N, C-alpha and C. Protein backbone atom coordinates (compact mmCIF):
# COMPACT_ATOMS: atom_id res chain seq x y z
N MET A 1 0.84 -1.17 0.00
CA MET A 1 0.00 0.00 0.00
C MET A 1 0.89 1.24 0.00
N ALA A 2 0.57 2.17 -0.85
CA ALA A 2 1.35 3.41 -0.95
C ALA A 2 0.96 4.37 0.16
N SER A 3 1.90 5.19 0.54
CA SER A 3 1.62 6.25 1.50
C SER A 3 2.02 7.57 0.86
N PHE A 4 1.57 8.66 1.43
CA PHE A 4 1.90 9.96 0.87
C PHE A 4 1.96 11.00 1.98
N LEU A 5 2.63 12.09 1.68
CA LEU A 5 2.73 13.22 2.59
C LEU A 5 1.84 14.32 2.04
N LEU A 6 0.97 14.84 2.85
CA LEU A 6 0.06 15.90 2.42
C LEU A 6 0.30 17.13 3.27
N ARG A 7 0.71 18.20 2.63
CA ARG A 7 0.88 19.47 3.34
C ARG A 7 -0.39 20.27 3.11
N VAL A 8 -1.03 20.67 4.19
CA VAL A 8 -2.31 21.35 4.12
C VAL A 8 -2.17 22.78 4.60
N PRO A 9 -2.54 23.76 3.75
CA PRO A 9 -2.51 25.15 4.21
C PRO A 9 -3.47 25.34 5.38
N ASN A 10 -3.18 26.31 6.25
CA ASN A 10 -4.04 26.58 7.40
C ASN A 10 -5.48 26.81 7.01
N SER A 11 -5.71 27.41 5.84
CA SER A 11 -7.08 27.71 5.43
C SER A 11 -7.87 26.47 5.07
N LEU A 12 -7.24 25.30 4.97
CA LEU A 12 -7.93 24.07 4.59
C LEU A 12 -7.88 23.00 5.67
N ARG A 13 -7.79 23.38 6.89
CA ARG A 13 -7.61 22.40 7.97
C ARG A 13 -8.84 21.52 8.21
N SER A 14 -10.00 21.82 7.63
CA SER A 14 -11.20 21.05 7.97
C SER A 14 -11.83 20.37 6.76
N PHE A 15 -11.02 19.71 5.92
CA PHE A 15 -11.62 18.96 4.84
C PHE A 15 -11.29 17.49 5.00
N THR A 16 -12.03 16.64 4.30
CA THR A 16 -11.87 15.21 4.39
C THR A 16 -10.81 14.73 3.42
N VAL A 17 -9.99 13.81 3.84
CA VAL A 17 -8.96 13.24 2.99
C VAL A 17 -9.31 11.78 2.75
N SER A 18 -9.25 11.37 1.49
CA SER A 18 -9.45 9.96 1.16
C SER A 18 -8.52 9.60 0.02
N ALA A 19 -8.20 8.34 -0.09
CA ALA A 19 -7.26 7.92 -1.13
C ALA A 19 -7.68 6.58 -1.70
N SER A 20 -7.33 6.39 -2.97
CA SER A 20 -7.63 5.14 -3.66
C SER A 20 -6.55 4.90 -4.69
N SER A 21 -6.07 3.69 -4.78
CA SER A 21 -5.05 3.38 -5.78
C SER A 21 -5.59 2.47 -6.87
N ASN A 22 -6.81 1.97 -6.72
CA ASN A 22 -7.34 1.02 -7.69
C ASN A 22 -8.58 1.53 -8.41
N GLY A 23 -8.92 2.79 -8.28
CA GLY A 23 -10.08 3.35 -8.94
C GLY A 23 -11.37 3.14 -8.19
N ALA A 24 -11.35 2.38 -7.10
CA ALA A 24 -12.55 2.17 -6.30
C ALA A 24 -12.86 3.43 -5.52
N PRO A 25 -14.13 3.64 -5.17
CA PRO A 25 -14.44 4.80 -4.35
C PRO A 25 -13.61 4.77 -3.08
N PRO A 26 -12.99 5.89 -2.74
CA PRO A 26 -12.10 5.90 -1.58
C PRO A 26 -12.86 5.86 -0.28
N SER A 27 -12.21 5.29 0.71
CA SER A 27 -12.75 5.36 2.06
C SER A 27 -12.03 6.49 2.78
N THR A 28 -12.59 6.95 3.87
CA THR A 28 -11.97 8.04 4.61
C THR A 28 -10.64 7.56 5.18
N ALA A 29 -9.62 8.35 5.00
CA ALA A 29 -8.28 8.01 5.51
C ALA A 29 -7.79 9.15 6.38
N SER A 30 -6.94 8.84 7.30
CA SER A 30 -6.40 9.90 8.14
C SER A 30 -5.10 10.40 7.52
N LEU A 31 -4.74 11.63 7.86
CA LEU A 31 -3.50 12.20 7.35
C LEU A 31 -2.32 11.43 7.90
N SER A 32 -1.30 11.29 7.08
CA SER A 32 -0.12 10.53 7.47
C SER A 32 1.11 11.39 7.26
N ASN A 33 2.11 11.21 8.04
CA ASN A 33 3.37 11.93 7.88
C ASN A 33 4.39 11.10 7.11
N SER A 34 3.96 10.00 6.49
CA SER A 34 4.88 9.14 5.75
C SER A 34 5.21 9.75 4.40
N ASN A 35 6.42 9.52 3.93
CA ASN A 35 6.79 9.93 2.59
C ASN A 35 6.35 8.85 1.63
N GLY A 36 5.97 9.25 0.41
CA GLY A 36 5.48 8.26 -0.54
C GLY A 36 5.71 8.69 -1.96
N GLY A 37 5.01 8.04 -2.88
CA GLY A 37 5.16 8.28 -4.30
C GLY A 37 4.65 9.65 -4.71
N GLY A 38 4.95 10.02 -5.95
CA GLY A 38 4.60 11.34 -6.45
C GLY A 38 3.39 11.35 -7.37
N GLY A 39 2.60 10.29 -7.38
CA GLY A 39 1.44 10.21 -8.26
C GLY A 39 0.26 11.00 -7.74
N PRO A 40 -0.84 10.96 -8.50
CA PRO A 40 -2.04 11.69 -8.07
C PRO A 40 -2.62 11.09 -6.79
N VAL A 41 -3.33 11.93 -6.06
CA VAL A 41 -3.98 11.55 -4.81
C VAL A 41 -5.45 11.92 -4.92
N ILE A 42 -6.34 11.07 -4.45
CA ILE A 42 -7.77 11.38 -4.45
C ILE A 42 -8.10 12.07 -3.13
N LEU A 43 -8.65 13.30 -3.23
CA LEU A 43 -9.02 14.09 -2.05
C LEU A 43 -10.42 14.65 -2.21
N GLU A 44 -11.10 14.84 -1.11
CA GLU A 44 -12.36 15.59 -1.08
C GLU A 44 -11.97 17.04 -0.77
N LEU A 45 -12.19 17.95 -1.73
CA LEU A 45 -11.83 19.35 -1.53
C LEU A 45 -13.08 20.22 -1.50
N PRO A 46 -13.06 21.26 -0.68
CA PRO A 46 -14.18 22.22 -0.70
C PRO A 46 -14.26 22.89 -2.07
N LEU A 47 -15.48 23.04 -2.58
CA LEU A 47 -15.66 23.68 -3.88
C LEU A 47 -15.05 25.07 -3.91
N ASP A 48 -15.18 25.80 -2.80
CA ASP A 48 -14.69 27.18 -2.79
C ASP A 48 -13.17 27.29 -2.71
N LYS A 49 -12.47 26.16 -2.58
CA LYS A 49 -11.00 26.18 -2.56
C LYS A 49 -10.41 25.81 -3.93
N ILE A 50 -11.28 25.50 -4.90
CA ILE A 50 -10.81 25.13 -6.23
C ILE A 50 -10.99 26.32 -7.15
N ARG A 51 -9.90 26.84 -7.66
CA ARG A 51 -9.94 27.96 -8.60
C ARG A 51 -10.24 27.41 -9.99
N ARG A 52 -11.13 28.09 -10.71
CA ARG A 52 -11.50 27.69 -12.07
C ARG A 52 -11.14 28.87 -12.97
N PRO A 53 -9.85 28.98 -13.36
CA PRO A 53 -9.37 30.20 -14.02
C PRO A 53 -9.81 30.41 -15.46
N LEU A 54 -10.26 29.38 -16.14
CA LEU A 54 -10.65 29.57 -17.54
C LEU A 54 -12.12 29.95 -17.64
N MET A 55 -12.37 31.03 -18.33
CA MET A 55 -13.75 31.45 -18.55
C MET A 55 -14.30 30.65 -19.74
N ARG A 56 -15.41 30.00 -19.52
CA ARG A 56 -16.01 29.20 -20.60
C ARG A 56 -16.71 30.12 -21.59
N THR A 57 -16.60 29.77 -22.85
CA THR A 57 -17.27 30.54 -23.89
C THR A 57 -18.67 30.01 -24.16
N ARG A 58 -18.97 28.82 -23.64
CA ARG A 58 -20.32 28.27 -23.80
C ARG A 58 -20.79 27.74 -22.45
N ALA A 59 -22.08 27.66 -22.29
CA ALA A 59 -22.64 27.18 -21.03
C ALA A 59 -22.59 25.65 -20.99
N ASN A 60 -22.60 25.10 -19.78
CA ASN A 60 -22.70 23.65 -19.63
C ASN A 60 -24.04 23.19 -20.16
N ASP A 61 -24.09 21.96 -20.64
CA ASP A 61 -25.34 21.35 -21.11
C ASP A 61 -26.25 21.12 -19.90
N PRO A 62 -27.40 21.82 -19.83
CA PRO A 62 -28.25 21.70 -18.64
C PRO A 62 -28.82 20.30 -18.44
N ILE A 63 -29.03 19.56 -19.52
CA ILE A 63 -29.53 18.18 -19.39
C ILE A 63 -28.47 17.30 -18.75
N LYS A 64 -27.23 17.44 -19.19
CA LYS A 64 -26.14 16.67 -18.62
C LYS A 64 -25.94 17.01 -17.14
N VAL A 65 -26.02 18.30 -16.79
CA VAL A 65 -25.88 18.71 -15.39
C VAL A 65 -27.00 18.09 -14.56
N LYS A 66 -28.24 18.11 -15.05
CA LYS A 66 -29.37 17.53 -14.32
C LYS A 66 -29.20 16.03 -14.14
N GLU A 67 -28.75 15.34 -15.20
CA GLU A 67 -28.52 13.89 -15.10
C GLU A 67 -27.43 13.59 -14.06
N LEU A 68 -26.38 14.40 -14.06
CA LEU A 68 -25.32 14.22 -13.06
C LEU A 68 -25.83 14.50 -11.65
N MET A 69 -26.67 15.51 -11.50
CA MET A 69 -27.24 15.81 -10.19
C MET A 69 -28.03 14.61 -9.67
N ASP A 70 -28.85 14.02 -10.55
CA ASP A 70 -29.63 12.85 -10.16
C ASP A 70 -28.73 11.69 -9.76
N SER A 71 -27.68 11.45 -10.58
CA SER A 71 -26.76 10.34 -10.32
C SER A 71 -25.98 10.57 -9.03
N ILE A 72 -25.47 11.77 -8.84
CA ILE A 72 -24.69 12.09 -7.64
C ILE A 72 -25.56 11.96 -6.40
N SER A 73 -26.82 12.39 -6.49
CA SER A 73 -27.74 12.27 -5.36
C SER A 73 -28.00 10.80 -5.01
N GLU A 74 -28.07 9.96 -6.04
CA GLU A 74 -28.41 8.56 -5.82
C GLU A 74 -27.21 7.70 -5.43
N ILE A 75 -26.10 7.84 -6.17
CA ILE A 75 -24.97 6.92 -5.94
C ILE A 75 -23.65 7.62 -5.66
N GLY A 76 -23.63 8.94 -5.65
CA GLY A 76 -22.40 9.68 -5.40
C GLY A 76 -21.60 9.89 -6.68
N LEU A 77 -20.59 10.70 -6.58
CA LEU A 77 -19.72 10.99 -7.72
C LEU A 77 -18.85 9.78 -8.01
N GLN A 78 -18.91 9.28 -9.23
CA GLN A 78 -18.16 8.08 -9.60
C GLN A 78 -16.78 8.37 -10.17
N VAL A 79 -16.61 9.53 -10.81
CA VAL A 79 -15.33 9.88 -11.42
C VAL A 79 -14.89 11.24 -10.87
N PRO A 80 -13.77 11.28 -10.15
CA PRO A 80 -13.31 12.56 -9.58
C PRO A 80 -12.89 13.53 -10.67
N ILE A 81 -12.96 14.82 -10.35
CA ILE A 81 -12.47 15.82 -11.30
C ILE A 81 -10.95 15.92 -11.15
N ASP A 82 -10.29 16.36 -12.21
CA ASP A 82 -8.83 16.54 -12.17
C ASP A 82 -8.50 17.94 -11.66
N VAL A 83 -7.57 17.99 -10.72
CA VAL A 83 -7.16 19.26 -10.12
C VAL A 83 -5.64 19.27 -10.05
N ILE A 84 -5.07 20.44 -10.29
CA ILE A 84 -3.62 20.63 -10.14
C ILE A 84 -3.38 21.48 -8.90
N GLU A 85 -2.47 21.03 -8.03
CA GLU A 85 -2.10 21.80 -6.85
C GLU A 85 -0.75 22.46 -7.13
N VAL A 86 -0.73 23.79 -7.04
CA VAL A 86 0.49 24.56 -7.25
C VAL A 86 0.66 25.50 -6.06
N ASP A 87 1.72 25.32 -5.31
CA ASP A 87 2.02 26.16 -4.16
C ASP A 87 0.84 26.28 -3.20
N GLY A 88 0.17 25.17 -2.92
CA GLY A 88 -0.92 25.15 -1.96
C GLY A 88 -2.26 25.65 -2.49
N GLU A 89 -2.33 26.01 -3.75
CA GLU A 89 -3.58 26.45 -4.39
C GLU A 89 -4.04 25.35 -5.34
N TYR A 90 -5.37 25.16 -5.43
CA TYR A 90 -5.93 24.11 -6.28
C TYR A 90 -6.60 24.74 -7.49
N TYR A 91 -6.30 24.19 -8.68
CA TYR A 91 -6.82 24.71 -9.94
C TYR A 91 -7.51 23.59 -10.70
N GLY A 92 -8.75 23.84 -11.10
CA GLY A 92 -9.52 22.86 -11.87
C GLY A 92 -9.73 23.34 -13.29
N PHE A 93 -9.45 22.46 -14.25
CA PHE A 93 -9.60 22.80 -15.65
C PHE A 93 -10.56 21.85 -16.37
N SER A 94 -11.04 20.84 -15.69
CA SER A 94 -11.95 19.88 -16.30
C SER A 94 -13.07 19.59 -15.31
N GLY A 95 -13.99 18.72 -15.70
CA GLY A 95 -15.08 18.35 -14.80
C GLY A 95 -16.10 19.45 -14.59
N CYS A 96 -16.29 20.28 -15.60
CA CYS A 96 -17.19 21.44 -15.48
C CYS A 96 -18.62 21.03 -15.13
N HIS A 97 -19.14 19.98 -15.78
CA HIS A 97 -20.51 19.54 -15.50
C HIS A 97 -20.62 18.95 -14.10
N ARG A 98 -19.62 18.16 -13.70
CA ARG A 98 -19.64 17.56 -12.36
C ARG A 98 -19.51 18.64 -11.29
N TYR A 99 -18.66 19.63 -11.53
CA TYR A 99 -18.48 20.75 -10.60
C TYR A 99 -19.79 21.52 -10.45
N GLU A 100 -20.43 21.85 -11.59
CA GLU A 100 -21.70 22.59 -11.53
C GLU A 100 -22.79 21.77 -10.85
N ALA A 101 -22.84 20.46 -11.10
CA ALA A 101 -23.83 19.61 -10.44
C ALA A 101 -23.66 19.66 -8.92
N HIS A 102 -22.42 19.62 -8.45
CA HIS A 102 -22.16 19.72 -7.01
C HIS A 102 -22.61 21.08 -6.47
N GLN A 103 -22.32 22.14 -7.22
CA GLN A 103 -22.75 23.49 -6.80
C GLN A 103 -24.26 23.55 -6.66
N ARG A 104 -24.96 23.08 -7.69
CA ARG A 104 -26.43 23.15 -7.68
C ARG A 104 -27.05 22.29 -6.59
N LEU A 105 -26.40 21.19 -6.25
CA LEU A 105 -26.88 20.34 -5.16
C LEU A 105 -26.57 20.92 -3.78
N GLY A 106 -25.74 21.95 -3.76
CA GLY A 106 -25.36 22.56 -2.48
C GLY A 106 -24.35 21.74 -1.70
N LEU A 107 -23.62 20.88 -2.41
CA LEU A 107 -22.61 20.05 -1.74
C LEU A 107 -21.37 20.89 -1.48
N PRO A 108 -20.80 20.82 -0.29
CA PRO A 108 -19.65 21.67 0.04
C PRO A 108 -18.33 21.19 -0.56
N CYS A 109 -18.21 19.88 -0.84
CA CYS A 109 -16.94 19.31 -1.30
C CYS A 109 -17.16 18.46 -2.54
N ILE A 110 -16.07 18.22 -3.27
CA ILE A 110 -16.10 17.35 -4.45
C ILE A 110 -14.84 16.49 -4.43
N ARG A 111 -14.99 15.25 -4.89
CA ARG A 111 -13.84 14.34 -4.96
C ARG A 111 -12.98 14.74 -6.15
N CYS A 112 -11.67 14.85 -5.90
CA CYS A 112 -10.73 15.34 -6.91
C CYS A 112 -9.52 14.40 -7.01
N LYS A 113 -9.04 14.23 -8.23
CA LYS A 113 -7.76 13.57 -8.44
C LYS A 113 -6.74 14.70 -8.53
N VAL A 114 -5.94 14.84 -7.48
CA VAL A 114 -5.03 15.97 -7.35
C VAL A 114 -3.62 15.56 -7.76
N ARG A 115 -3.07 16.34 -8.67
CA ARG A 115 -1.67 16.18 -9.07
C ARG A 115 -0.94 17.45 -8.69
N ARG A 116 0.26 17.30 -8.18
CA ARG A 116 1.09 18.46 -7.85
C ARG A 116 1.73 18.95 -9.14
N GLY A 117 1.76 20.27 -9.31
CA GLY A 117 2.36 20.87 -10.49
C GLY A 117 3.21 22.07 -10.12
N THR A 118 3.89 22.58 -11.11
CA THR A 118 4.72 23.77 -10.93
C THR A 118 4.01 24.97 -11.54
N LYS A 119 4.55 26.14 -11.32
CA LYS A 119 3.98 27.34 -11.95
C LYS A 119 4.03 27.22 -13.46
N GLU A 120 5.06 26.56 -13.98
CA GLU A 120 5.15 26.35 -15.44
C GLU A 120 4.02 25.44 -15.92
N THR A 121 3.68 24.41 -15.16
CA THR A 121 2.55 23.55 -15.50
C THR A 121 1.28 24.37 -15.56
N LEU A 122 1.08 25.23 -14.58
CA LEU A 122 -0.10 26.08 -14.53
C LEU A 122 -0.14 27.01 -15.75
N ARG A 123 0.98 27.63 -16.08
CA ARG A 123 1.04 28.50 -17.27
C ARG A 123 0.66 27.72 -18.53
N HIS A 124 1.13 26.49 -18.63
CA HIS A 124 0.80 25.64 -19.78
C HIS A 124 -0.72 25.44 -19.91
N HIS A 125 -1.39 25.21 -18.80
CA HIS A 125 -2.84 24.98 -18.80
C HIS A 125 -3.62 26.26 -19.11
N LEU A 126 -3.01 27.40 -18.85
CA LEU A 126 -3.69 28.68 -19.07
C LEU A 126 -3.53 29.18 -20.51
N ARG A 127 -2.72 28.52 -21.32
CA ARG A 127 -2.52 28.94 -22.71
C ARG A 127 -3.74 28.71 -23.54
């Protein structure tokens, strides 16, 4: 079983951490001080802590958002959104329909596949 080190900014001290290495829905895990691999980590992050820097030129498909809302209400989010963590800030560039469905449902957090990146990685995504 892999372990990882998670550094949490003071502003995020009250969110749930969960991890999965096989694609199965994660169970709640406690924070660990162990060093581990550098791959993505599955975390439950507050929606308001995820920056969405790209302005969309078109609206999300309302039918798809409604279908996701129904599915999330019934069975939970099955596929986490991708998020990049750069210097303690979280940036989301995908999962727009899933993110909006969570917002409309009033859910405070969303499951994310978090990868650590550099400022150069962030600049690449903003092009």
